[in-house]
Amino acid sequence: MPDEIPDLKSRYQAVAGDWETGAIAFTCAKNHQRVLILRGVSDLVSVTSGGEAYQNEKLFILGTGQIMRQLLADLPNWLEQCK
């Protein structure tokens, strides 16, 4: 939530937040399993303006397409590094 950003920055010196994959990474670590998580940023969230793609479906779709193309192009290099 945008109004939580100042507290998160203060408590954890956070520069980015990723709630969704945190649980995946935690579970893999507890089970001693390797995991590769690639994420893309579709919009930036701020206290004053929220996120630019939250209420703009066309912007979200455009950004997602660009992000996925880049992630898929980079995937072979990441997998090679994980060997």
Protein backbone atom coordinates (compact mmCIF):
# COMPACT_ATOMS: atom_id res chain seq x y z
CA MET A 1 0.00 0.00 0.00
CA PRO A 2 1.41 3.39 -0.93
CA ASP A 3 0.90 4.80 2.58
CA GLU A 4 3.18 2.05 4.00
CA ILE A 5 6.17 3.11 1.89
CA PRO A 6 7.74 5.59 4.36
CA ASP A 7 7.63 3.05 7.20
CA LEU A 8 9.13 0.28 5.05
CA LYS A 9 11.91 2.58 3.84
CA SER A 10 12.66 3.62 7.40
CA ARG A 11 12.53 0.18 9.03
CA TYR A 12 14.30 -1.82 6.30
CA GLN A 13 16.15 0.78 4.21
CA ALA A 14 14.08 -0.64 1.35
CA VAL A 15 14.57 0.66 -2.18
CA ALA A 16 12.04 -1.76 -3.69
CA GLY A 17 9.28 -4.00 -2.42
CA ASP A 18 8.34 -7.47 -3.62
CA TRP A 19 5.71 -9.11 -1.45
CA GLU A 20 4.64 -11.82 -3.89
CA THR A 21 7.91 -13.69 -4.37
CA GLY A 22 9.10 -13.26 -0.80
CA ALA A 23 7.01 -16.26 0.29
CA ILE A 24 8.37 -18.37 -2.56
CA ALA A 25 11.98 -17.52 -1.72
CA PHE A 26 11.38 -18.14 2.00
CA THR A 27 9.78 -21.54 1.34
CA CYS A 28 12.58 -22.60 -1.01
CA ALA A 29 15.23 -21.56 1.51
CA LYS A 30 13.52 -23.48 4.33
CA ASN A 31 13.41 -26.57 2.08
CA HIS A 32 16.97 -26.14 0.82
CA GLN A 33 15.76 -25.74 -2.76
CA ARG A 34 17.38 -23.51 -5.33
CA VAL A 35 15.10 -20.98 -6.96
CA LEU A 36 15.50 -18.39 -9.69
CA ILE A 37 13.01 -15.54 -9.53
CA LEU A 38 12.95 -12.99 -12.31
CA ARG A 39 10.74 -9.97 -11.79
CA GLY A 40 9.93 -6.97 -13.88
CA VAL A 41 8.74 -3.58 -12.71
CA SER A 42 5.53 -2.47 -14.42
CA ASP A 43 5.07 0.73 -12.45
CA LEU A 44 6.50 2.71 -9.58
CA VAL A 45 4.39 3.36 -6.51
CA SER A 46 4.68 6.51 -4.42
CA VAL A 47 2.85 7.90 -1.43
CA THR A 48 1.62 10.93 -3.36
CA SER A 49 0.61 9.44 -6.69
CA GLY A 50 0.09 5.71 -6.11
CA GLY A 51 1.16 3.67 -9.12
CA GLU A 52 0.92 4.91 -12.68
CA ALA A 53 -0.41 1.58 -13.98
CA TYR A 54 -2.87 0.91 -11.13
CA GLN A 55 -5.72 2.67 -12.86
CA ASN A 56 -4.41 2.55 -16.45
CA GLU A 57 -4.99 -0.88 -17.99
CA LYS A 58 -3.51 0.07 -21.38
CA LEU A 59 -0.28 1.27 -19.76
CA PHE A 60 -0.11 -1.94 -17.73
CA ILE A 61 -0.60 -4.15 -20.81
CA LEU A 62 2.01 -2.23 -22.82
CA GLY A 63 4.54 -2.33 -19.99
CA THR A 64 3.92 -6.01 -19.31
CA GLY A 65 4.60 -6.90 -22.94
CA GLN A 66 7.89 -5.03 -22.91
CA ILE A 67 8.93 -6.54 -19.59
CA MET A 68 8.09 -10.12 -20.61
CA ARG A 69 10.00 -9.84 -23.90
CA GLN A 70 13.08 -8.69 -22.00
CA LEU A 71 12.76 -11.33 -19.28
CA LEU A 72 12.38 -14.10 -21.86
CA ALA A 73 15.36 -12.80 -23.82
CA ASP A 74 17.47 -12.76 -20.63
CA LEU A 75 16.28 -16.15 -19.33
CA PRO A 76 18.90 -18.33 -21.10
CA ASN A 77 21.72 -16.26 -19.59
CA TRP A 78 20.23 -16.54 -16.09
CA LEU A 79 19.79 -20.30 -16.46
CA GLU A 80 23.37 -20.67 -17.62
CA GLN A 81 24.57 -18.82 -14.51
CA CYS A 82 22.54 -21.17 -12.31
CA LYS A 83 24.32 -24.35 -13.44
